[in-house]
PDB file of N, CA and C in Angstrom:
ATOM      1  N   MET A   1     -45.169  12.036  14.178  1.00  0.00           N
ATOM      2  CA  MET A   1     -46.184  12.634  13.312  1.00  0.00           C
ATOM      3  C   MET A   1     -46.863  13.772  14.050  1.00  0.00           C
ATOM      4  N   GLN A   2     -47.119  14.803  13.328  1.00  0.00           N
ATOM      5  CA  GLN A   2     -47.759  15.967  13.911  1.00  0.00           C
ATOM      6  C   GLN A   2     -49.236  15.706  14.176  1.00  0.00           C
ATOM      7  N   ASP A   3     -49.842  16.565  14.976  1.00  0.00           N
ATOM      8  CA  ASP A   3     -51.260  16.443  15.287  1.00  0.00           C
ATOM      9  C   ASP A   3     -52.056  17.043  14.140  1.00  0.00           C
ATOM     10  N   LEU A   4     -52.661  16.190  13.343  1.00  0.00           N
ATOM     11  CA  LEU A   4     -53.354  16.651  12.138  1.00  0.00           C
ATOM     12  C   LEU A   4     -54.645  17.395  12.454  1.00  0.00           C
ATOM     13  N   LYS A   5     -55.267  17.103  13.592  1.00  0.00           N
ATOM     14  CA  LYS A   5     -56.521  17.770  13.940  1.00  0.00           C
ATOM     15  C   LYS A   5     -56.307  19.229  14.342  1.00  0.00           C
ATOM     16  N   ASN A   6     -55.153  19.522  14.893  1.00  0.00           N
ATOM     17  CA  ASN A   6     -54.904  20.871  15.429  1.00  0.00           C
ATOM     18  C   ASN A   6     -53.928  21.684  14.592  1.00  0.00           C
ATOM     19  N   THR A   7     -53.762  21.347  13.347  1.00  0.00           N
ATOM     20  CA  THR A   7     -52.837  22.083  12.495  1.00  0.00           C
ATOM     21  C   THR A   7     -53.445  23.419  12.073  1.00  0.00           C
ATOM     22  N   LYS A   8     -52.584  24.389  11.880  1.00  0.00           N
ATOM     23  CA  LYS A   8     -53.038  25.706  11.421  1.00  0.00           C
ATOM     24  C   LYS A   8     -52.869  25.865   9.917  1.00  0.00           C
ATOM     25  N   ALA A   9     -52.458  24.791   9.254  1.00  0.00           N
ATOM     26  CA  ALA A   9     -52.243  24.849   7.809  1.00  0.00           C
ATOM     27  C   ALA A   9     -53.563  25.073   7.083  1.00  0.00           C
ATOM     28  N   PRO A  10     -53.556  25.910   6.066  1.00  0.00           N
ATOM     29  CA  PRO A  10     -54.791  26.183   5.327  1.00  0.00           C
ATOM     30  C   PRO A  10     -55.214  24.994   4.475  1.00  0.00           C
ATOM     31  N   VAL A  11     -56.518  24.839   4.309  1.00  0.00           N
ATOM     32  CA  VAL A  11     -57.051  23.766   3.482  1.00  0.00           C
ATOM     33  C   VAL A  11     -57.075  24.192   2.016  1.00  0.00           C
ATOM     34  N   SER A  12     -57.202  25.488   1.789  1.00  0.00           N
ATOM     35  CA  SER A  12     -57.214  25.999   0.417  1.00  0.00           C
ATOM     36  C   SER A  12     -55.948  26.811   0.149  1.00  0.00           C
ATOM     37  N   THR A  13     -55.790  27.215  -1.069  1.00  0.00           N
ATOM     38  CA  THR A  13     -54.605  27.954  -1.486  1.00  0.00           C
ATOM     39  C   THR A  13     -54.556  29.332  -0.826  1.00  0.00           C
ATOM     40  N   THR A  14     -53.363  29.708  -0.361  1.00  0.00           N
ATOM     41  CA  THR A  14     -53.180  31.029   0.222  1.00  0.00           C
ATOM     42  C   THR A  14     -51.926  31.671  -0.364  1.00  0.00           C
ATOM     43  N   THR A  15     -51.882  32.978  -0.309  1.00  0.00           N
ATOM     44  CA  THR A  15     -50.716  33.715  -0.787  1.00  0.00           C
ATOM     45  C   THR A  15     -49.772  33.936   0.387  1.00  0.00           C
ATOM     46  N   LEU A  16     -48.489  33.701   0.136  1.00  0.00           N
ATOM     47  CA  LEU A  16     -47.483  33.884   1.179  1.00  0.00           C
ATOM     48  C   LEU A  16     -46.572  35.053   0.833  1.00  0.00           C
ATOM     49  N   ASN A  17     -45.987  35.631   1.849  1.00  0.00           N
ATOM     50  CA  ASN A  17     -45.000  36.683   1.657  1.00  0.00           C
ATOM     51  C   ASN A  17     -43.680  36.014   1.300  1.00  0.00           C
ATOM     52  N   ARG A  18     -43.206  36.240   0.107  1.00  0.00           N
ATOM     53  CA  ARG A  18     -41.984  35.597  -0.366  1.00  0.00           C
ATOM     54  C   ARG A  18     -40.800  35.895   0.526  1.00  0.00           C
ATOM     55  N   ASN A  19     -40.693  37.126   0.988  1.00  0.00           N
ATOM     56  CA  ASN A  19     -39.574  37.523   1.850  1.00  0.00           C
ATOM     57  C   ASN A  19     -39.587  36.762   3.177  1.00  0.00           C
ATOM     58  N   GLU A  20     -40.777  36.518   3.692  1.00  0.00           N
ATOM     59  CA  GLU A  20     -40.894  35.751   4.928  1.00  0.00           C
ATOM     60  C   GLU A  20     -40.547  34.285   4.683  1.00  0.00           C
ATOM     61  N   PHE A  21     -40.931  33.772   3.520  1.00  0.00           N
ATOM     62  CA  PHE A  21     -40.713  32.363   3.214  1.00  0.00           C
ATOM     63  C   PHE A  21     -39.235  32.035   3.032  1.00  0.00           C
ATOM     64  N   ASP A  22     -38.494  32.905   2.358  1.00  0.00           N
ATOM     65  CA  ASP A  22     -37.085  32.585   2.081  1.00  0.00           C
ATOM     66  C   ASP A  22     -36.098  33.275   3.031  1.00  0.00           C
ATOM     67  N   GLU A  23     -36.613  33.893   4.093  1.00  0.00           N
ATOM     68  CA  GLU A  23     -35.732  34.645   4.979  1.00  0.00           C
ATOM     69  C   GLU A  23     -34.713  33.751   5.693  1.00  0.00           C
ATOM     70  N   LYS A  24     -35.048  32.497   6.000  1.00  0.00           N
ATOM     71  CA  LYS A  24     -34.120  31.613   6.717  1.00  0.00           C
ATOM     72  C   LYS A  24     -32.946  31.182   5.850  1.00  0.00           C
ATOM     73  N   THR A  25     -33.184  31.024   4.554  1.00  0.00           N
ATOM     74  CA  THR A  25     -32.128  30.536   3.661  1.00  0.00           C
ATOM     75  C   THR A  25     -31.532  31.639   2.806  1.00  0.00           C
ATOM     76  N   GLY A  26     -32.298  32.681   2.562  1.00  0.00           N
ATOM     77  CA  GLY A  26     -31.844  33.730   1.654  1.00  0.00           C
ATOM     78  C   GLY A  26     -31.989  33.331   0.196  1.00  0.00           C
ATOM     79  N   ASN A  27     -32.571  32.184  -0.051  1.00  0.00           N
ATOM     80  CA  ASN A  27     -32.721  31.670  -1.411  1.00  0.00           C
ATOM     81  C   ASN A  27     -34.093  31.007  -1.517  1.00  0.00           C
ATOM     82  N   ILE A  28     -34.960  31.563  -2.346  1.00  0.00           N
ATOM     83  CA  ILE A  28     -36.324  31.054  -2.476  1.00  0.00           C
ATOM     84  C   ILE A  28     -36.348  29.603  -2.962  1.00  0.00           C
ATOM     85  N   TYR A  29     -35.431  29.254  -3.861  1.00  0.00           N
ATOM     86  CA  TYR A  29     -35.408  27.897  -4.411  1.00  0.00           C
ATOM     87  C   TYR A  29     -34.996  26.876  -3.357  1.00  0.00           C
ATOM     88  N   GLU A  30     -34.061  27.253  -2.515  1.00  0.00           N
ATOM     89  CA  GLU A  30     -33.633  26.362  -1.437  1.00  0.00           C
ATOM     90  C   GLU A  30     -34.769  26.175  -0.422  1.00  0.00           C
ATOM     91  N   ALA A  31     -35.460  27.253  -0.102  1.00  0.00           N
ATOM     92  CA  ALA A  31     -36.579  27.181   0.842  1.00  0.00           C
ATOM     93  C   ALA A  31     -37.693  26.292   0.291  1.00  0.00           C
ATOM     94  N   ILE A  32     -37.997  26.449  -0.990  1.00  0.00           N
ATOM     95  CA  ILE A  32     -39.034  25.630  -1.617  1.00  0.00           C
ATOM     96  C   ILE A  32     -38.600  24.160  -1.648  1.00  0.00           C
ATOM     97  N   SER A  33     -37.339  23.917  -1.937  1.00  0.00           N
ATOM     98  CA  SER A  33     -36.827  22.550  -1.976  1.00  0.00           C
ATOM     99  C   SER A  33     -36.946  21.873  -0.610  1.00  0.00           C
ATOM    100  N   ILE A  34     -36.620  22.599   0.443  1.00  0.00           N
ATOM    101  CA  ILE A  34     -36.721  22.048   1.799  1.00  0.00           C
ATOM    102  C   ILE A  34     -38.175  21.728   2.135  1.00  0.00           C
ATOM    103  N   ALA A  35     -39.075  22.651   1.836  1.00  0.00           N
ATOM    104  CA  ALA A  35     -40.497  22.425   2.109  1.00  0.00           C
ATOM    105  C   ALA A  35     -41.038  21.272   1.261  1.00  0.00           C
ATOM    106  N   ALA A  36     -40.581  21.157   0.024  1.00  0.00           N
ATOM    107  CA  ALA A  36     -41.041  20.075  -0.854  1.00  0.00           C
ATOM    108  C   ALA A  36     -40.595  18.719  -0.326  1.00  0.00           C
ATOM    109  N   LYS A  37     -39.365  18.635   0.148  1.00  0.00           N
ATOM    110  CA  LYS A  37     -38.879  17.366   0.714  1.00  0.00           C
ATOM    111  C   LYS A  37     -39.678  16.994   1.957  1.00  0.00           C
ATOM    112  N   ARG A  38     -40.010  17.977   2.761  1.00  0.00           N
ATOM    113  CA  ARG A  38     -40.813  17.713   3.956  1.00  0.00           C
ATOM    114  C   ARG A  38     -42.226  17.297   3.566  1.00  0.00           C
ATOM    115  N   ALA A  39     -42.773  17.884   2.507  1.00  0.00           N
ATOM    116  CA  ALA A  39     -44.109  17.515   2.036  1.00  0.00           C
ATOM    117  C   ALA A  39     -44.138  16.046   1.611  1.00  0.00           C
ATOM    118  N   ILE A  40     -43.076  15.578   0.984  1.00  0.00           N
ATOM    119  CA  ILE A  40     -42.988  14.167   0.585  1.00  0.00           C
ATOM    120  C   ILE A  40     -42.983  13.279   1.827  1.00  0.00           C
ATOM    121  N   GLN A  41     -42.244  13.681   2.857  1.00  0.00           N
ATOM    122  CA  GLN A  41     -42.221  12.922   4.110  1.00  0.00           C
ATOM    123  C   GLN A  41     -43.603  12.889   4.758  1.00  0.00           C
ATOM    124  N   ILE A  42     -44.257  14.035   4.809  1.00  0.00           N
ATOM    125  CA  ILE A  42     -45.587  14.129   5.421  1.00  0.00           C
ATOM    126  C   ILE A  42     -46.567  13.248   4.664  1.00  0.00           C
ATOM    127  N   ASN A  43     -46.526  13.314   3.340  1.00  0.00           N
ATOM    128  CA  ASN A  43     -47.425  12.507   2.522  1.00  0.00           C
ATOM    129  C   ASN A  43     -47.232  11.022   2.819  1.00  0.00           C
ATOM    130  N   SER A  44     -45.997  10.614   2.931  1.00  0.00           N
ATOM    131  CA  SER A  44     -45.685   9.218   3.225  1.00  0.00           C
ATOM    132  C   SER A  44     -46.223   8.814   4.601  1.00  0.00           C
ATOM    133  N   GLU A  45     -46.050   9.677   5.593  1.00  0.00           N
ATOM    134  CA  GLU A  45     -46.542   9.413   6.947  1.00  0.00           C
ATOM    135  C   GLU A  45     -48.067   9.304   6.972  1.00  0.00           C
ATOM    136  N   ILE A  46     -48.738  10.233   6.296  1.00  0.00           N
ATOM    137  CA  ILE A  46     -50.201  10.231   6.263  1.00  0.00           C
ATOM    138  C   ILE A  46     -50.710   8.976   5.559  1.00  0.00           C
ATOM    139  N   LYS A  47     -50.081   8.621   4.448  1.00  0.00           N
ATOM    140  CA  LYS A  47     -50.504   7.437   3.701  1.00  0.00           C
ATOM    141  C   LYS A  47     -50.345   6.179   4.554  1.00  0.00           C
ATOM    142  N   LYS A  48     -49.219   6.065   5.240  1.00  0.00           N
ATOM    143  CA  LYS A  48     -48.972   4.899   6.096  1.00  0.00           C
ATOM    144  C   LYS A  48     -50.019   4.825   7.198  1.00  0.00           C
ATOM    145  N   GLU A  49     -50.282   5.968   7.842  1.00  0.00           N
ATOM    146  CA  GLU A  49     -51.267   6.029   8.924  1.00  0.00           C
ATOM    147  C   GLU A  49     -52.658   5.652   8.428  1.00  0.00           C
ATOM    148  N   LEU A  50     -53.040   6.175   7.271  1.00  0.00           N
ATOM    149  CA  LEU A  50     -54.355   5.882   6.702  1.00  0.00           C
ATOM    150  C   LEU A  50     -54.487   4.402   6.372  1.00  0.00           C
ATOM    151  N   LEU A  51     -53.470   3.829   5.747  1.00  0.00           N
ATOM    152  CA  LEU A  51     -53.531   2.414   5.391  1.00  0.00           C
ATOM    153  C   LEU A  51     -53.612   1.529   6.627  1.00  0.00           C
ATOM    154  N   GLU A  52     -52.911   1.909   7.692  1.00  0.00           N
ATOM    155  CA  GLU A  52     -52.987   1.148   8.942  1.00  0.00           C
ATOM    156  C   GLU A  52     -54.400   1.196   9.522  1.00  0.00           C
ATOM    157  N   LYS A  53     -55.014   2.371   9.496  1.00  0.00           N
ATOM    158  CA  LYS A  53     -56.367   2.493  10.036  1.00  0.00           C
ATOM    159  C   LYS A  53     -57.385   1.733   9.184  1.00  0.00           C
ATOM    160  N   LEU A  54     -57.226   1.798   7.858  1.00  0.00           N
ATOM    161  CA  LEU A  54     -58.163   1.093   6.975  1.00  0.00           C
ATOM    162  C   LEU A  54     -57.976  -0.415   7.067  1.00  0.00           C
ATOM    163  N   GLU A  55     -56.762  -0.846   7.360  1.00  0.00           N
ATOM    164  CA  GLU A  55     -56.484  -2.277   7.507  1.00  0.00           C
ATOM    165  C   GLU A  55     -57.295  -2.878   8.653  1.00  0.00           C
ATOM    166  N   GLU A  56     -57.571  -2.076   9.671  1.00  0.00           N
ATOM    167  CA  GLU A  56     -58.376  -2.544  10.805  1.00  0.00           C
ATOM    168  C   GLU A  56     -59.782  -2.951  10.367  1.00  0.00           C
ATOM    169  N   PHE A  57     -60.276  -2.340   9.302  1.00  0.00           N
ATOM    170  CA  PHE A  57     -61.636  -2.607   8.841  1.00  0.00           C
ATOM    171  C   PHE A  57     -61.689  -3.661   7.744  1.00  0.00           C
ATOM    172  N   ALA A  58     -60.534  -4.139   7.329  1.00  0.00           N
ATOM    173  CA  ALA A  58     -60.482  -5.051   6.184  1.00  0.00           C
ATOM    174  C   ALA A  58     -61.232  -6.343   6.481  1.00  0.00           C
ATOM    175  N   THR A  59     -62.062  -6.726   5.544  1.00  0.00           N
ATOM    176  CA  THR A  59     -62.739  -8.025   5.589  1.00  0.00           C
ATOM    177  C   THR A  59     -62.414  -8.721   4.286  1.00  0.00           C
ATOM    178  N   TYR A  60     -61.833  -9.884   4.404  1.00  0.00           N
ATOM    179  CA  TYR A  60     -61.387 -10.604   3.218  1.00  0.00           C
ATOM    180  C   TYR A  60     -62.438 -11.616   2.807  1.00  0.00           C
ATOM    181  N   SER A  61     -62.702 -11.643   1.513  1.00  0.00           N
ATOM    182  CA  SER A  61     -63.718 -12.534   0.970  1.00  0.00           C
ATOM    183  C   SER A  61     -63.203 -13.125  -0.333  1.00  0.00           C
ATOM    184  N   ASP A  62     -63.673 -14.328  -0.643  1.00  0.00           N
ATOM    185  CA  ASP A  62     -63.259 -14.975  -1.887  1.00  0.00           C
ATOM    186  C   ASP A  62     -63.984 -14.393  -3.093  1.00  0.00           C
ATOM    187  N   SER A  63     -65.108 -13.805  -2.864  1.00  0.00           N
ATOM    188  CA  SER A  63     -65.903 -13.272  -3.965  1.00  0.00           C
ATOM    189  C   SER A  63     -65.538 -11.812  -4.219  1.00  0.00           C
ATOM    190  N   LEU A  64     -65.184 -11.510  -5.443  1.00  0.00           N
ATOM    191  CA  LEU A  64     -64.842 -10.134  -5.800  1.00  0.00           C
ATOM    192  C   LEU A  64     -66.082  -9.257  -5.935  1.00  0.00           C
ATOM    193  N   GLU A  65     -67.237  -9.877  -6.069  1.00  0.00           N
ATOM    194  CA  GLU A  65     -68.462  -9.112  -6.268  1.00  0.00           C
ATOM    195  C   GLU A  65     -68.996  -8.510  -4.967  1.00  0.00           C
ATOM    196  N   GLU A  66     -68.604  -9.079  -3.857  1.00  0.00           N
ATOM    197  CA  GLU A  66     -69.088  -8.580  -2.578  1.00  0.00           C
ATOM    198  C   GLU A  66     -68.290  -7.348  -2.155  1.00  0.00           C
ATOM    199  N   VAL A  67     -69.000  -6.264  -1.911  1.00  0.00           N
ATOM    200  CA  VAL A  67     -68.360  -5.049  -1.424  1.00  0.00           C
ATOM    201  C   VAL A  67     -69.017  -4.706  -0.096  1.00  0.00           C
ATOM    202  N   PHE A  68     -68.179  -4.583   0.911  1.00  0.00           N
ATOM    203  CA  PHE A  68     -68.702  -4.260   2.230  1.00  0.00           C
ATOM    204  C   PHE A  68     -68.455  -2.789   2.507  1.00  0.00           C
ATOM    205  N   GLU A  69     -69.518  -2.068   2.821  1.00  0.00           N
ATOM    206  CA  GLU A  69     -69.382  -0.667   3.192  1.00  0.00           C
ATOM    207  C   GLU A  69     -69.415  -0.587   4.711  1.00  0.00           C
ATOM    208  N   ASN A  70     -68.375  -0.085   5.261  1.00  0.00           N
ATOM    209  CA  ASN A  70     -68.261   0.045   6.692  1.00  0.00           C
ATOM    210  C   ASN A  70     -68.330   1.532   7.027  1.00  0.00           C
ATOM    211  N   LYS A  71     -69.264   1.894   7.867  1.00  0.00           N
ATOM    212  CA  LYS A  71     -69.480   3.296   8.197  1.00  0.00           C
ATOM    213  C   LYS A  71     -68.234   3.937   8.818  1.00  0.00           C
ATOM    214  N   GLU A  72     -67.560   3.204   9.720  1.00  0.00           N
ATOM    215  CA  GLU A  72     -66.354   3.741  10.356  1.00  0.00           C
ATOM    216  C   GLU A  72     -65.247   3.959   9.330  1.00  0.00           C
ATOM    217  N   GLN A  73     -65.142   3.029   8.398  1.00  0.00           N
ATOM    218  CA  GLN A  73     -64.127   3.140   7.345  1.00  0.00           C
ATOM    219  C   GLN A  73     -64.372   4.377   6.494  1.00  0.00           C
ATOM    220  N   ILE A  74     -65.612   4.632   6.185  1.00  0.00           N
ATOM    221  CA  ILE A  74     -65.981   5.806   5.386  1.00  0.00           C
ATOM    222  C   ILE A  74     -65.652   7.084   6.158  1.00  0.00           C
ATOM    223  N   GLU A  75     -65.920   7.098   7.462  1.00  0.00           N
ATOM    224  CA  GLU A  75     -65.619   8.269   8.285  1.00  0.00           C
ATOM    225  C   GLU A  75     -64.114   8.535   8.345  1.00  0.00           C
ATOM    226  N   VAL A  76     -63.319   7.475   8.478  1.00  0.00           N
ATOM    227  CA  VAL A  76     -61.857   7.633   8.494  1.00  0.00           C
ATOM    228  C   VAL A  76     -61.393   8.222   7.166  1.00  0.00           C
ATOM    229  N   SER A  77     -61.917   7.693   6.076  1.00  0.00           N
ATOM    230  CA  SER A  77     -61.536   8.186   4.747  1.00  0.00           C
ATOM    231  C   SER A  77     -61.913   9.652   4.580  1.00  0.00           C
ATOM    232  N   LYS A  78     -63.095  10.020   5.027  1.00  0.00           N
ATOM    233  CA  LYS A  78     -63.535  11.419   4.916  1.00  0.00           C
ATOM    234  C   LYS A  78     -62.649  12.353   5.729  1.00  0.00           C
ATOM    235  N   PHE A  79     -62.229  11.900   6.922  1.00  0.00           N
ATOM    236  CA  PHE A  79     -61.342  12.714   7.753  1.00  0.00           C
ATOM    237  C   PHE A  79     -60.056  13.031   7.000  1.00  0.00           C
ATOM    238  N   TYR A  80     -59.456  12.015   6.381  1.00  0.00           N
ATOM    239  CA  TYR A  80     -58.200  12.218   5.674  1.00  0.00           C
ATOM    240  C   TYR A  80     -58.384  13.037   4.400  1.00  0.00           C
ATOM    241  N   GLU A  81     -59.545  12.944   3.777  1.00  0.00           N
ATOM    242  CA  GLU A  81     -59.811  13.745   2.578  1.00  0.00           C
ATOM    243  C   GLU A  81     -59.908  15.234   2.917  1.00  0.00           C
ATOM    244  N   LYS A  82     -60.369  15.559   4.112  1.00  0.00           N
ATOM    245  CA  LYS A  82     -60.570  16.955   4.511  1.00  0.00           C
ATOM    246  C   LYS A  82     -59.312  17.623   5.051  1.00  0.00           C
ATOM    247  N   LEU A  83     -58.264  16.846   5.273  1.00  0.00           N
ATOM    248  CA  LEU A  83     -57.022  17.411   5.803  1.00  0.00           C
ATOM    249  C   LEU A  83     -56.377  18.364   4.808  1.00  0.00           C
ATOM    250  N   PRO A  84     -55.583  19.301   5.321  1.00  0.00           N
ATOM    251  CA  PRO A  84     -54.783  20.131   4.407  1.00  0.00           C
ATOM    252  C   PRO A  84     -53.821  19.234   3.624  1.00  0.00           C
ATOM    253  N   LYS A  85     -53.472  19.647   2.446  1.00  0.00           N
ATOM    254  CA  LYS A  85     -52.559  18.874   1.609  1.00  0.00           C
ATOM    255  C   LYS A  85     -51.164  18.856   2.254  1.00  0.00           C
ATOM    256  N   PRO A  86     -50.374  17.824   1.962  1.00  0.00           N
ATOM    257  CA  PRO A  86     -49.037  17.727   2.552  1.00  0.00           C
ATOM    258  C   PRO A  86     -48.160  18.959   2.307  1.00  0.00           C
ATOM    259  N   HIS A  87     -48.289  19.567   1.123  1.00  0.00           N
ATOM    260  CA  HIS A  87     -47.459  20.755   0.870  1.00  0.00           C
ATOM    261  C   HIS A  87     -47.876  21.916   1.775  1.00  0.00           C
ATOM    262  N   ALA A  88     -49.159  22.036   2.084  1.00  0.00           N
ATOM    263  CA  ALA A  88     -49.621  23.101   2.970  1.00  0.00           C
ATOM    264  C   ALA A  88     -49.126  22.852   4.398  1.00  0.00           C
ATOM    265  N   LEU A  89     -49.128  21.586   4.815  1.00  0.00           N
ATOM    266  CA  LEU A  89     -48.611  21.238   6.136  1.00  0.00           C
ATOM    267  C   LEU A  89     -47.111  21.541   6.224  1.00  0.00           C
ATOM    268  N   ALA A  90     -46.381  21.204   5.153  1.00  0.00           N
ATOM    269  CA  ALA A  90     -44.933  21.447   5.129  1.00  0.00           C
ATOM    270  C   ALA A  90     -44.627  22.942   5.157  1.00  0.00           C
ATOM    271  N   VAL A  91     -45.356  23.725   4.403  1.00  0.00           N
ATOM    272  CA  VAL A  91     -45.141  25.181   4.391  1.00  0.00           C
ATOM    273  C   VAL A  91     -45.426  25.758   5.774  1.00  0.00           C
ATOM    274  N   GLN A  92     -46.489  25.282   6.414  1.00  0.00           N
ATOM    275  CA  GLN A  92     -46.814  25.767   7.759  1.00  0.00           C
ATOM    276  C   GLN A  92     -45.689  25.423   8.740  1.00  0.00           C
ATOM    277  N   GLU A  93     -45.173  24.195   8.643  1.00  0.00           N
ATOM    278  CA  GLU A  93     -44.050  23.804   9.499  1.00  0.00           C
ATOM    279  C   GLU A  93     -42.834  24.691   9.226  1.00  0.00           C
ATOM    280  N   TRP A  94     -42.585  24.984   7.971  1.00  0.00           N
ATOM    281  CA  TRP A  94     -41.440  25.814   7.591  1.00  0.00           C
ATOM    282  C   TRP A  94     -41.564  27.208   8.202  1.00  0.00           C
ATOM    283  N   LEU A  95     -42.742  27.791   8.084  1.00  0.00           N
ATOM    284  CA  LEU A  95     -42.965  29.140   8.601  1.00  0.00           C
ATOM    285  C   LEU A  95     -42.902  29.187  10.124  1.00  0.00           C
ATOM    286  N   GLU A  96     -43.204  28.062  10.784  1.00  0.00           N
ATOM    287  CA  GLU A  96     -43.175  27.997  12.243  1.00  0.00           C
ATOM    288  C   GLU A  96     -41.830  27.468  12.770  1.00  0.00           C
ATOM    289  N   ASP A  97     -40.822  27.389  11.906  1.00  0.00           N
ATOM    290  CA  ASP A  97     -39.477  26.901  12.280  1.00  0.00           C
ATOM    291  C   ASP A  97     -39.507  25.503  12.880  1.00  0.00           C
ATOM    292  N   LYS A  98     -40.330  24.630  12.331  1.00  0.00           N
ATOM    293  CA  LYS A  98     -40.421  23.264  12.840  1.00  0.00           C
ATOM    294  C   LYS A  98     -39.693  22.258  11.952  1.00  0.00           C
ATOM    295  N   ILE A  99     -38.994  22.745  10.936  1.00  0.00           N
ATOM    296  CA  ILE A  99     -38.253  21.860  10.037  1.00  0.00           C
ATOM    297  C   ILE A  99     -36.770  22.061  10.283  1.00  0.00           C
ATOM    298  N   TYR A 100     -36.097  20.964  10.598  1.00  0.00           N
ATOM    299  CA  TYR A 100     -34.648  21.014  10.747  1.00  0.00           C
ATOM    300  C   TYR A 100     -34.037  20.776   9.375  1.00  0.00           C
ATOM    301  N   TYR A 101     -33.093  21.598   9.003  1.00  0.00           N
ATOM    302  CA  TYR A 101     -32.410  21.418   7.722  1.00  0.00           C
ATOM    303  C   TYR A 101     -30.980  21.882   7.871  1.00  0.00           C
ATOM    304  N   ARG A 102     -30.148  21.400   6.971  1.00  0.00           N
ATOM    305  CA  ARG A 102     -28.779  21.897   6.928  1.00  0.00           C
ATOM    306  C   ARG A 102     -28.305  21.789   5.490  1.00  0.00           C
ATOM    307  N   ASN A 103     -27.425  22.696   5.124  1.00  0.00           N
ATOM    308  CA  ASN A 103     -26.851  22.700   3.791  1.00  0.00           C
ATOM    309  C   ASN A 103     -25.513  21.966   3.865  1.00  0.00           C
ATOM    310  N   THR A 104     -25.455  20.769   3.295  1.00  0.00           N
ATOM    311  CA  THR A 104     -24.249  19.966   3.384  1.00  0.00           C
ATOM    312  C   THR A 104     -23.078  20.575   2.595  1.00  0.00           C
ATOM    313  N   GLU A 105     -23.408  21.363   1.585  1.00  0.00           N
ATOM    314  CA  GLU A 105     -22.348  22.006   0.805  1.00  0.00           C
ATOM    315  C   GLU A 105     -21.650  23.092   1.634  1.00  0.00           C
ATOM    316  N   LYS A 106     -22.390  23.796   2.444  1.00  0.00           N
ATOM    317  CA  LYS A 106     -21.811  24.844   3.286  1.00  0.00           C
ATOM    318  C   LYS A 106     -21.094  24.240   4.488  1.00  0.00           C
ATOM    319  N   ASP A 107     -21.536  23.055   4.931  1.00  0.00           N
ATOM    320  CA  ASP A 107     -20.926  22.391   6.087  1.00  0.00           C
ATOM    321  C   ASP A 107     -19.572  21.781   5.764  1.00  0.00           C
ATOM    322  N   ALA A 108     -19.325  21.517   4.492  1.00  0.00           N
ATOM    323  CA  ALA A 108     -18.087  20.817   4.091  1.00  0.00           C
ATOM    324  C   ALA A 108     -16.868  21.696   4.203  1.00  0.00           C
TER     325      ALA A 108
END
């Protein structure tokens, strides 16, 4: 998993140079597909990491009416809410040549 605190991915929407984005593949749709698949992987990794951290704070009770607010749990949740979205992280990785990909149709 990448270092989420030190990522250069934007938190808000940014405009990209299309020519720079598809220069590795020569096909904008292929480049977007690769970044989208990586975004799904990143999302899965972040979700797993978040659930593991929140599990540490879990307190089990028989009563459904009792809600425990844990300050550390809230801070962890806020940290993950402020992160760049998985698609922004994937696009940043793509632009920095950090995504390995291969076209199986061309390899055959």
